[in-house]
Amino acid sequence: MKKNKGEKLEIGESERLEAVERIEEGDPETVLREAGAIGKNMVQKLMRAGEEALDELNLERNQQ
């Protein structure tokens, strides 16, 4: 996932392809485990991005 200031978070093409390949190769249990891991990873990245945004807002407020 890439994040530039002022842009939405996006899943990188390589991350997407890797996830699809892993899921296509697996049995149903593996597919569910991989999907869960991918979802967890995405949530963690979104949380970090949110924390960074809050930190930036706090810095801006403190500078005013």
N, C-alpha and C. Protein backbone atom coordinates (compact mmCIF):
# COMPACT_ATOMS: atom_id res chain seq x y z
N MET A 1 0.84 -1.17 0.00
CA MET A 1 0.00 0.00 0.00
C MET A 1 0.88 1.23 0.00
N LYS A 2 0.50 2.17 -0.81
CA LYS A 2 1.29 3.39 -0.91
C LYS A 2 0.45 4.56 -0.45
N LYS A 3 1.11 5.53 0.19
CA LYS A 3 0.40 6.71 0.65
C LYS A 3 1.27 7.93 0.40
N ASN A 4 0.76 8.82 -0.39
CA ASN A 4 1.40 10.11 -0.57
C ASN A 4 0.49 11.13 0.09
N LYS A 5 1.05 12.20 0.58
CA LYS A 5 0.26 13.20 1.28
C LYS A 5 -0.88 13.68 0.39
N GLY A 6 -2.09 13.64 0.92
CA GLY A 6 -3.25 14.10 0.18
C GLY A 6 -3.85 13.07 -0.76
N GLU A 7 -3.30 11.86 -0.79
CA GLU A 7 -3.83 10.82 -1.67
C GLU A 7 -4.43 9.70 -0.84
N LYS A 8 -5.32 8.94 -1.48
CA LYS A 8 -5.93 7.80 -0.83
C LYS A 8 -4.92 6.66 -0.75
N LEU A 9 -5.11 5.79 0.24
CA LEU A 9 -4.28 4.59 0.34
C LEU A 9 -4.66 3.63 -0.77
N GLU A 10 -3.69 3.02 -1.38
CA GLU A 10 -3.95 2.07 -2.44
C GLU A 10 -3.13 0.81 -2.21
N ILE A 11 -3.70 -0.31 -2.61
CA ILE A 11 -2.97 -1.57 -2.57
C ILE A 11 -2.12 -1.62 -3.83
N GLY A 12 -0.83 -1.87 -3.67
CA GLY A 12 0.06 -1.95 -4.82
C GLY A 12 -0.27 -3.14 -5.70
N GLU A 13 0.00 -2.99 -6.98
CA GLU A 13 -0.28 -4.06 -7.95
C GLU A 13 0.45 -5.34 -7.58
N SER A 14 1.70 -5.23 -7.14
CA SER A 14 2.45 -6.44 -6.79
C SER A 14 1.83 -7.14 -5.58
N GLU A 15 1.35 -6.36 -4.58
CA GLU A 15 0.69 -6.97 -3.43
C GLU A 15 -0.57 -7.70 -3.85
N ARG A 16 -1.33 -7.09 -4.74
CA ARG A 16 -2.57 -7.69 -5.21
C ARG A 16 -2.29 -9.00 -5.96
N LEU A 17 -1.31 -8.98 -6.86
CA LEU A 17 -0.98 -10.18 -7.63
C LEU A 17 -0.47 -11.30 -6.73
N GLU A 18 0.36 -10.95 -5.76
CA GLU A 18 0.88 -11.95 -4.84
C GLU A 18 -0.25 -12.60 -4.05
N ALA A 19 -1.19 -11.79 -3.59
CA ALA A 19 -2.32 -12.32 -2.83
C ALA A 19 -3.16 -13.26 -3.69
N VAL A 20 -3.43 -12.87 -4.92
CA VAL A 20 -4.22 -13.71 -5.82
C VAL A 20 -3.51 -15.03 -6.09
N GLU A 21 -2.22 -14.98 -6.34
CA GLU A 21 -1.46 -16.20 -6.60
C GLU A 21 -1.49 -17.15 -5.40
N ARG A 22 -1.31 -16.61 -4.21
CA ARG A 22 -1.32 -17.46 -3.01
C ARG A 22 -2.69 -18.10 -2.81
N ILE A 23 -3.73 -17.33 -3.03
CA ILE A 23 -5.08 -17.86 -2.83
C ILE A 23 -5.41 -18.91 -3.89
N GLU A 24 -5.03 -18.66 -5.15
CA GLU A 24 -5.33 -19.61 -6.22
C GLU A 24 -4.64 -20.96 -6.01
N GLU A 25 -3.48 -20.96 -5.38
CA GLU A 25 -2.71 -22.18 -5.18
C GLU A 25 -3.19 -23.00 -3.99
N GLY A 26 -3.99 -22.42 -3.12
CA GLY A 26 -4.32 -23.08 -1.86
C GLY A 26 -5.63 -23.83 -1.84
N ASP A 27 -5.75 -24.66 -0.80
CA ASP A 27 -7.01 -25.34 -0.52
C ASP A 27 -7.92 -24.36 0.23
N PRO A 28 -9.20 -24.72 0.45
CA PRO A 28 -10.12 -23.78 1.10
C PRO A 28 -9.63 -23.23 2.44
N GLU A 29 -9.03 -24.08 3.27
CA GLU A 29 -8.53 -23.61 4.56
C GLU A 29 -7.41 -22.59 4.38
N THR A 30 -6.52 -22.87 3.45
CA THR A 30 -5.42 -21.95 3.17
C THR A 30 -5.95 -20.64 2.61
N VAL A 31 -6.96 -20.74 1.74
CA VAL A 31 -7.55 -19.53 1.16
C VAL A 31 -8.10 -18.63 2.27
N LEU A 32 -8.83 -19.22 3.19
CA LEU A 32 -9.39 -18.43 4.30
C LEU A 32 -8.29 -17.83 5.17
N ARG A 33 -7.27 -18.61 5.45
CA ARG A 33 -6.16 -18.13 6.28
C ARG A 33 -5.44 -16.97 5.58
N GLU A 34 -5.19 -17.13 4.28
CA GLU A 34 -4.50 -16.07 3.52
C GLU A 34 -5.37 -14.81 3.44
N ALA A 35 -6.66 -15.00 3.19
CA ALA A 35 -7.56 -13.85 3.12
C ALA A 35 -7.59 -13.11 4.45
N GLY A 36 -7.61 -13.86 5.55
CA GLY A 36 -7.58 -13.24 6.87
C GLY A 36 -6.29 -12.48 7.11
N ALA A 37 -5.17 -13.07 6.70
CA ALA A 37 -3.87 -12.42 6.87
C ALA A 37 -3.79 -11.15 6.03
N ILE A 38 -4.31 -11.21 4.81
CA ILE A 38 -4.30 -10.03 3.93
C ILE A 38 -5.16 -8.93 4.55
N GLY A 39 -6.35 -9.31 5.03
CA GLY A 39 -7.23 -8.32 5.66
C GLY A 39 -6.60 -7.70 6.89
N LYS A 40 -5.98 -8.53 7.72
CA LYS A 40 -5.32 -8.03 8.93
C LYS A 40 -4.20 -7.05 8.57
N ASN A 41 -3.42 -7.40 7.56
CA ASN A 41 -2.33 -6.54 7.10
C ASN A 41 -2.88 -5.19 6.61
N MET A 42 -3.97 -5.23 5.86
CA MET A 42 -4.56 -4.00 5.35
C MET A 42 -5.06 -3.12 6.49
N VAL A 43 -5.70 -3.74 7.49
CA VAL A 43 -6.21 -2.99 8.64
C VAL A 43 -5.05 -2.34 9.39
N GLN A 44 -3.96 -3.09 9.59
CA GLN A 44 -2.80 -2.53 10.28
C GLN A 44 -2.22 -1.34 9.53
N LYS A 45 -2.15 -1.44 8.21
CA LYS A 45 -1.62 -0.33 7.41
C LYS A 45 -2.55 0.88 7.49
N LEU A 46 -3.86 0.64 7.47
CA LEU A 46 -4.81 1.74 7.59
C LEU A 46 -4.71 2.40 8.96
N MET A 47 -4.52 1.59 10.00
CA MET A 47 -4.37 2.15 11.35
C MET A 47 -3.12 3.01 11.44
N ARG A 48 -2.01 2.52 10.88
CA ARG A 48 -0.77 3.31 10.89
C ARG A 48 -0.95 4.62 10.12
N ALA A 49 -1.63 4.55 8.98
CA ALA A 49 -1.86 5.76 8.19
C ALA A 49 -2.73 6.74 8.97
N GLY A 50 -3.73 6.23 9.67
CA GLY A 50 -4.57 7.09 10.50
C GLY A 50 -3.79 7.73 11.63
N GLU A 51 -2.93 6.96 12.26
CA GLU A 51 -2.10 7.50 13.33
C GLU A 51 -1.16 8.58 12.80
N GLU A 52 -0.59 8.35 11.62
CA GLU A 52 0.28 9.35 11.01
C GLU A 52 -0.49 10.63 10.70
N ALA A 53 -1.71 10.47 10.20
CA ALA A 53 -2.53 11.65 9.90
C ALA A 53 -2.85 12.43 11.17
N LEU A 54 -3.18 11.72 12.25
CA LEU A 54 -3.43 12.39 13.52
C LEU A 54 -2.19 13.10 14.03
N ASP A 55 -1.04 12.47 13.90
CA ASP A 55 0.21 13.10 14.31
C ASP A 55 0.46 14.38 13.53
N GLU A 56 0.20 14.34 12.21
CA GLU A 56 0.38 15.53 11.38
C GLU A 56 -0.56 16.64 11.82
N LEU A 57 -1.82 16.29 12.11
CA LEU A 57 -2.78 17.29 12.57
C LEU A 57 -2.34 17.90 13.90
N ASN A 58 -1.86 17.07 14.80
CA ASN A 58 -1.40 17.57 16.09
C ASN A 58 -0.21 18.50 15.93
N LEU A 59 0.72 18.15 15.02
CA LEU A 59 1.86 19.02 14.77
C LEU A 59 1.42 20.36 14.21
N GLU A 60 0.48 20.32 13.26
CA GLU A 60 -0.02 21.56 12.67
C GLU A 60 -0.70 22.43 13.71
N ARG A 61 -1.48 21.82 14.59
CA ARG A 61 -2.18 22.58 15.64
C ARG A 61 -1.19 23.18 16.63
N ASN A 62 -0.15 22.42 16.96
CA ASN A 62 0.84 22.91 17.91
C ASN A 62 1.67 24.05 17.33
N GLN A 63 1.82 24.09 16.01
CA GLN A 63 2.61 25.14 15.37
C GLN A 63 1.82 26.44 15.23
N GLN A 64 0.51 26.37 15.36
CA GLN A 64 -0.32 27.57 15.18
C GLN A 64 -0.39 28.39 16.43
